[in-house]
N, C-alpha and C. Protein backbone atom coordinates (compact mmCIF):
# COMPACT_ATOMS: atom_id res chain seq x y z
N MET A 1 6.98 162.20 132.52
CA MET A 1 6.90 162.15 133.98
C MET A 1 8.30 161.93 134.48
N ARG A 2 8.55 162.43 135.65
CA ARG A 2 9.88 162.30 136.27
C ARG A 2 9.98 160.87 136.92
N ILE A 3 11.20 160.56 137.28
CA ILE A 3 11.47 159.19 137.77
C ILE A 3 10.70 158.87 139.05
N GLY A 4 10.51 159.85 139.89
CA GLY A 4 9.74 159.60 141.13
C GLY A 4 8.31 159.21 140.85
N GLU A 5 7.64 159.90 139.93
CA GLU A 5 6.32 159.59 139.54
C GLU A 5 6.28 158.23 138.87
N LEU A 6 7.19 157.96 138.00
CA LEU A 6 7.17 156.67 137.31
C LEU A 6 7.44 155.55 138.32
N SER A 7 8.31 155.77 139.32
CA SER A 7 8.51 154.77 140.35
C SER A 7 7.21 154.51 141.14
N GLU A 8 6.53 155.56 141.45
CA GLU A 8 5.26 155.41 142.17
C GLU A 8 4.22 154.71 141.36
N ARG A 9 4.07 155.06 140.15
CA ARG A 9 3.01 154.51 139.28
C ARG A 9 3.33 153.08 138.82
N SER A 10 4.64 152.79 138.69
CA SER A 10 4.99 151.42 138.21
C SER A 10 5.24 150.43 139.33
N GLY A 11 5.49 150.97 140.50
CA GLY A 11 5.83 150.07 141.63
C GLY A 11 7.29 149.62 141.65
N LEU A 12 8.08 150.17 140.76
CA LEU A 12 9.50 149.82 140.69
C LEU A 12 10.28 150.93 141.41
N SER A 13 11.42 150.53 141.97
CA SER A 13 12.24 151.55 142.66
C SER A 13 12.95 152.46 141.64
N ARG A 14 13.37 153.57 142.12
CA ARG A 14 14.12 154.52 141.23
C ARG A 14 15.40 153.86 140.76
N ASP A 15 16.04 153.05 141.66
CA ASP A 15 17.27 152.34 141.23
C ASP A 15 16.98 151.35 140.16
N ALA A 16 15.90 150.63 140.23
CA ALA A 16 15.54 149.68 139.19
C ALA A 16 15.29 150.43 137.86
N LEU A 17 14.62 151.54 137.90
CA LEU A 17 14.39 152.30 136.69
C LEU A 17 15.64 152.83 136.07
N ARG A 18 16.60 153.31 136.93
CA ARG A 18 17.87 153.78 136.47
C ARG A 18 18.63 152.64 135.78
N PHE A 19 18.59 151.47 136.43
CA PHE A 19 19.24 150.29 135.88
C PHE A 19 18.64 149.92 134.53
N TYR A 20 17.30 149.89 134.47
CA TYR A 20 16.62 149.59 133.18
C TYR A 20 17.08 150.55 132.12
N GLU A 21 17.22 151.81 132.51
CA GLU A 21 17.67 152.83 131.50
C GLU A 21 19.10 152.55 131.09
N ARG A 22 19.96 152.24 132.03
CA ARG A 22 21.34 152.00 131.75
C ARG A 22 21.51 150.84 130.76
N ILE A 23 20.69 149.79 130.89
CA ILE A 23 20.84 148.59 130.02
C ILE A 23 19.98 148.71 128.76
N GLY A 24 19.28 149.80 128.58
CA GLY A 24 18.54 150.08 127.39
C GLY A 24 17.11 149.58 127.35
N LEU A 25 16.54 149.14 128.48
CA LEU A 25 15.16 148.68 128.50
C LEU A 25 14.18 149.81 128.40
N VAL A 26 14.52 150.97 128.97
CA VAL A 26 13.67 152.16 128.88
C VAL A 26 14.54 153.34 128.50
N GLU A 27 13.83 154.33 127.93
CA GLU A 27 14.54 155.54 127.56
C GLU A 27 13.91 156.71 128.26
N SER A 28 14.72 157.71 128.55
CA SER A 28 14.24 158.97 129.05
C SER A 28 14.90 160.09 128.26
N HIS A 29 14.29 161.24 128.43
CA HIS A 29 14.89 162.40 127.84
C HIS A 29 15.30 163.33 129.02
N ARG A 30 16.41 163.96 128.88
CA ARG A 30 16.89 164.83 129.97
C ARG A 30 16.38 166.24 129.73
N SER A 31 15.84 166.78 130.80
CA SER A 31 15.38 168.20 130.71
C SER A 31 16.60 169.10 130.90
N PRO A 32 16.52 170.38 130.65
CA PRO A 32 17.67 171.21 130.82
C PRO A 32 18.32 171.16 132.19
N ASN A 33 17.51 170.92 133.22
CA ASN A 33 18.05 170.84 134.57
C ASN A 33 18.63 169.45 134.88
N GLY A 34 18.61 168.50 133.89
CA GLY A 34 19.18 167.17 134.06
C GLY A 34 18.23 166.11 134.56
N TYR A 35 16.99 166.46 134.84
CA TYR A 35 16.03 165.47 135.33
C TYR A 35 15.64 164.55 134.19
N ARG A 36 15.41 163.29 134.58
CA ARG A 36 14.93 162.31 133.59
C ARG A 36 13.46 162.58 133.37
N ASP A 37 13.03 162.49 132.12
CA ASP A 37 11.61 162.61 131.76
C ASP A 37 11.22 161.40 130.93
N PHE A 38 10.26 160.66 131.47
CA PHE A 38 9.78 159.44 130.79
C PHE A 38 8.41 159.66 130.21
N GLY A 39 8.18 159.06 129.04
CA GLY A 39 6.88 159.18 128.39
C GLY A 39 5.87 158.19 129.01
N GLU A 40 4.61 158.44 128.79
CA GLU A 40 3.54 157.58 129.30
C GLU A 40 3.67 156.15 128.78
N GLN A 41 4.20 155.99 127.56
CA GLN A 41 4.27 154.66 126.92
C GLN A 41 5.19 153.76 127.69
N VAL A 42 6.01 154.25 128.59
CA VAL A 42 6.89 153.35 129.35
C VAL A 42 6.13 152.52 130.40
N LEU A 43 4.97 152.98 130.83
CA LEU A 43 4.22 152.20 131.85
C LEU A 43 3.76 150.83 131.32
N PRO A 44 3.08 150.76 130.19
CA PRO A 44 2.73 149.42 129.67
C PRO A 44 3.93 148.53 129.37
N TRP A 45 5.02 149.16 128.91
CA TRP A 45 6.22 148.46 128.62
C TRP A 45 6.80 147.81 129.92
N LEU A 46 6.77 148.57 131.01
CA LEU A 46 7.27 148.03 132.29
C LEU A 46 6.40 146.90 132.77
N ASP A 47 5.07 146.98 132.58
CA ASP A 47 4.19 145.81 132.86
C ASP A 47 4.57 144.63 132.05
N TYR A 48 4.88 144.78 130.77
CA TYR A 48 5.34 143.73 129.87
C TYR A 48 6.64 143.10 130.43
N VAL A 49 7.58 143.97 130.85
CA VAL A 49 8.90 143.49 131.37
C VAL A 49 8.64 142.64 132.62
N ARG A 50 7.82 143.08 133.50
CA ARG A 50 7.55 142.35 134.72
C ARG A 50 6.91 140.97 134.41
N THR A 51 5.97 140.99 133.52
CA THR A 51 5.29 139.72 133.12
C THR A 51 6.28 138.75 132.54
N ALA A 52 7.09 139.27 131.61
CA ALA A 52 8.12 138.43 130.94
C ALA A 52 9.11 137.88 131.97
N GLN A 53 9.50 138.65 132.93
CA GLN A 53 10.38 138.16 133.98
C GLN A 53 9.75 137.06 134.80
N ARG A 54 8.46 137.28 135.13
CA ARG A 54 7.76 136.26 135.90
C ARG A 54 7.63 134.95 135.15
N LEU A 55 7.62 135.01 133.79
CA LEU A 55 7.53 133.86 132.93
C LEU A 55 8.92 133.25 132.67
N GLY A 56 9.97 133.77 133.28
CA GLY A 56 11.27 133.19 133.20
C GLY A 56 12.25 133.75 132.20
N PHE A 57 11.85 134.87 131.59
CA PHE A 57 12.79 135.50 130.62
C PHE A 57 13.73 136.47 131.36
N SER A 58 14.98 136.47 130.95
CA SER A 58 15.96 137.36 131.53
C SER A 58 15.79 138.80 130.98
N LEU A 59 16.35 139.74 131.64
CA LEU A 59 16.27 141.14 131.08
C LEU A 59 16.90 141.25 129.72
N ALA A 60 18.01 140.51 129.54
CA ALA A 60 18.66 140.53 128.23
C ALA A 60 17.72 139.98 127.13
N GLU A 61 17.04 138.86 127.46
CA GLU A 61 16.11 138.30 126.49
C GLU A 61 14.92 139.25 126.25
N ILE A 62 14.46 139.86 127.29
CA ILE A 62 13.34 140.81 127.13
C ILE A 62 13.72 141.98 126.24
N ALA A 63 14.91 142.49 126.46
CA ALA A 63 15.40 143.61 125.63
C ALA A 63 15.50 143.18 124.17
N ARG A 64 16.16 142.02 123.94
CA ARG A 64 16.35 141.51 122.61
C ARG A 64 15.02 141.22 121.89
N HIS A 65 14.18 140.45 122.59
CA HIS A 65 12.91 140.03 121.98
C HIS A 65 11.94 141.20 121.87
N GLY A 66 12.05 142.13 122.81
CA GLY A 66 11.16 143.28 122.76
C GLY A 66 11.41 144.10 121.48
N GLU A 67 12.67 144.28 121.16
CA GLU A 67 13.00 145.01 119.92
C GLU A 67 12.54 144.21 118.72
N GLU A 68 12.81 142.88 118.73
CA GLU A 68 12.40 142.03 117.60
C GLU A 68 10.91 142.07 117.39
N LEU A 69 10.17 141.97 118.54
CA LEU A 69 8.72 141.91 118.43
C LEU A 69 8.09 143.20 117.89
N ARG A 70 8.75 144.32 118.11
CA ARG A 70 8.28 145.59 117.60
C ARG A 70 8.32 145.59 116.06
N LEU A 71 9.18 144.78 115.50
CA LEU A 71 9.42 144.80 114.04
C LEU A 71 8.58 143.81 113.28
N VAL A 72 7.98 142.80 113.95
CA VAL A 72 7.22 141.75 113.27
C VAL A 72 5.73 142.15 113.18
N PRO A 73 5.10 141.80 112.06
CA PRO A 73 3.69 142.18 111.91
C PRO A 73 2.80 141.30 112.82
N ASP A 74 3.12 140.03 113.02
CA ASP A 74 2.31 139.12 113.83
C ASP A 74 2.99 138.84 115.14
N GLN A 75 2.74 139.73 116.12
CA GLN A 75 3.42 139.56 117.43
C GLN A 75 2.90 138.37 118.18
N ALA A 76 1.64 138.05 118.04
CA ALA A 76 1.08 136.87 118.75
C ALA A 76 1.81 135.63 118.31
N ALA A 77 2.01 135.44 117.04
CA ALA A 77 2.70 134.26 116.54
C ALA A 77 4.14 134.24 117.01
N ALA A 78 4.79 135.37 117.00
CA ALA A 78 6.19 135.44 117.42
C ALA A 78 6.30 135.15 118.93
N LEU A 79 5.35 135.67 119.73
CA LEU A 79 5.35 135.36 121.18
C LEU A 79 5.07 133.86 121.40
N SER A 80 4.14 133.31 120.66
CA SER A 80 3.83 131.89 120.81
C SER A 80 5.09 131.02 120.52
N ALA A 81 5.90 131.42 119.54
CA ALA A 81 7.09 130.69 119.26
C ALA A 81 8.09 130.80 120.35
N LEU A 82 8.24 132.01 120.94
CA LEU A 82 9.11 132.21 122.10
C LEU A 82 8.67 131.33 123.30
N PHE A 83 7.35 131.29 123.50
CA PHE A 83 6.81 130.49 124.59
C PHE A 83 7.07 129.04 124.37
N ALA A 84 6.95 128.56 123.13
CA ALA A 84 7.23 127.18 122.82
C ALA A 84 8.69 126.86 123.14
N GLU A 85 9.59 127.73 122.81
CA GLU A 85 11.00 127.54 123.11
C GLU A 85 11.19 127.49 124.63
N ARG A 86 10.52 128.34 125.35
CA ARG A 86 10.67 128.41 126.82
C ARG A 86 10.08 127.10 127.42
N ILE A 87 8.97 126.64 126.89
CA ILE A 87 8.36 125.39 127.38
C ILE A 87 9.31 124.23 127.17
N ALA A 88 10.02 124.15 126.04
CA ALA A 88 10.98 123.10 125.76
C ALA A 88 12.13 123.17 126.79
N ALA A 89 12.58 124.39 127.09
CA ALA A 89 13.64 124.58 128.06
C ALA A 89 13.19 124.11 129.46
N VAL A 90 11.99 124.47 129.82
CA VAL A 90 11.43 124.07 131.12
C VAL A 90 11.31 122.58 131.20
N ASP A 91 10.80 121.91 130.10
CA ASP A 91 10.70 120.47 130.07
C ASP A 91 12.04 119.79 130.24
N ALA A 92 13.05 120.33 129.59
CA ALA A 92 14.40 119.78 129.71
C ALA A 92 14.91 119.90 131.15
N LYS A 93 14.70 121.06 131.75
CA LYS A 93 15.14 121.24 133.14
C LYS A 93 14.40 120.35 134.10
N MET A 94 13.07 120.14 133.83
CA MET A 94 12.28 119.23 134.67
C MET A 94 12.87 117.80 134.55
N GLY A 95 13.28 117.41 133.36
CA GLY A 95 13.91 116.08 133.20
C GLY A 95 15.18 115.96 134.00
N GLU A 96 16.00 117.00 133.92
CA GLU A 96 17.24 117.01 134.70
C GLU A 96 16.97 116.92 136.21
N LEU A 97 15.98 117.68 136.66
CA LEU A 97 15.63 117.70 138.06
C LEU A 97 15.04 116.37 138.51
N ALA A 98 14.26 115.73 137.67
CA ALA A 98 13.72 114.39 138.01
C ALA A 98 14.83 113.39 138.14
N ALA A 99 15.85 113.44 137.28
CA ALA A 99 16.96 112.52 137.32
C ALA A 99 17.78 112.80 138.57
N LEU A 100 17.96 114.02 138.95
CA LEU A 100 18.68 114.39 140.18
C LEU A 100 17.91 113.91 141.42
N ARG A 101 16.60 114.06 141.39
CA ARG A 101 15.78 113.62 142.51
C ARG A 101 15.89 112.09 142.64
N ALA A 102 15.82 111.40 141.53
CA ALA A 102 15.94 109.93 141.61
C ALA A 102 17.26 109.51 142.16
N GLU A 103 18.33 110.18 141.79
CA GLU A 103 19.66 109.83 142.34
C GLU A 103 19.74 110.13 143.83
N LEU A 104 19.20 111.24 144.20
CA LEU A 104 19.21 111.59 145.66
C LEU A 104 18.41 110.60 146.46
N ALA A 105 17.26 110.21 145.94
CA ALA A 105 16.36 109.21 146.63
C ALA A 105 17.11 107.84 146.72
N GLU A 106 17.82 107.48 145.70
CA GLU A 106 18.55 106.23 145.68
C GLU A 106 19.66 106.21 146.74
N ARG A 107 20.32 107.37 146.92
CA ARG A 107 21.44 107.48 147.81
C ARG A 107 20.98 107.69 149.29
N ALA A 108 19.79 108.26 149.45
CA ALA A 108 19.28 108.52 150.83
C ALA A 108 19.12 107.23 151.57
N GLY A 109 19.57 107.25 152.80
CA GLY A 109 19.41 106.08 153.65
C GLY A 109 20.47 105.02 153.45
N THR A 110 21.39 105.22 152.57
CA THR A 110 22.46 104.26 152.38
C THR A 110 23.53 104.52 153.40
N GLY A 111 24.42 103.58 153.55
CA GLY A 111 25.50 103.75 154.56
C GLY A 111 26.38 104.97 154.27
N CYS A 112 26.66 105.21 153.03
CA CYS A 112 27.52 106.34 152.69
C CYS A 112 26.94 107.03 151.45
N PRO A 113 26.02 107.98 151.64
CA PRO A 113 25.33 108.61 150.51
C PRO A 113 26.25 109.35 149.53
N LEU A 114 27.46 109.74 149.98
CA LEU A 114 28.38 110.48 149.09
C LEU A 114 29.45 109.62 148.51
N GLU A 115 29.29 108.30 148.63
CA GLU A 115 30.25 107.40 148.05
C GLU A 115 30.35 107.68 146.53
N PRO A 116 31.55 107.76 145.95
CA PRO A 116 31.68 108.08 144.55
C PRO A 116 30.94 107.06 143.69
N ASP A 117 30.56 107.52 142.56
CA ASP A 117 29.86 106.66 141.59
C ASP A 117 30.72 105.49 141.24
N ARG A 118 30.10 104.34 141.10
CA ARG A 118 30.84 103.16 140.69
C ARG A 118 30.68 103.04 139.17
N VAL A 119 31.77 103.37 138.50
CA VAL A 119 31.74 103.35 137.02
C VAL A 119 32.53 102.11 136.61
N SER A 120 31.94 101.30 135.79
CA SER A 120 32.68 100.16 135.31
C SER A 120 33.82 100.57 134.40
N PRO A 121 34.95 99.89 134.55
CA PRO A 121 36.12 100.32 133.71
C PRO A 121 35.83 100.06 132.22
N ARG A 122 36.37 100.94 131.44
CA ARG A 122 36.23 100.80 130.01
C ARG A 122 37.19 99.78 129.45
N PRO A 123 36.75 99.00 128.45
CA PRO A 123 37.66 97.97 127.85
C PRO A 123 38.84 98.59 127.15
């Protein structure tokens, strides 16, 4: 299918599809007149890409892990491991944000909320 049809069926813009092609997420074949021709198998892959992005994976991670996942026999186990890594990263970020929130709450309502931290001198 041509890029216009793929754009319509996938809900992605032509520019996004060209970008995905440029970074290697999707492949097309060029017809003699230079038009891009995409296979039907690209539609489920694009759904996968969107879902992975929604779950916090970058396009680079999607490209890397997508290739890796195609090569492993147990994709469910491999995906579960990736999700466990992502959960650990989210938990770490939540800890950082909780600490930031606590510091902001401590400083709110003080006479000078941006007063530099008072660090005790080192011996």
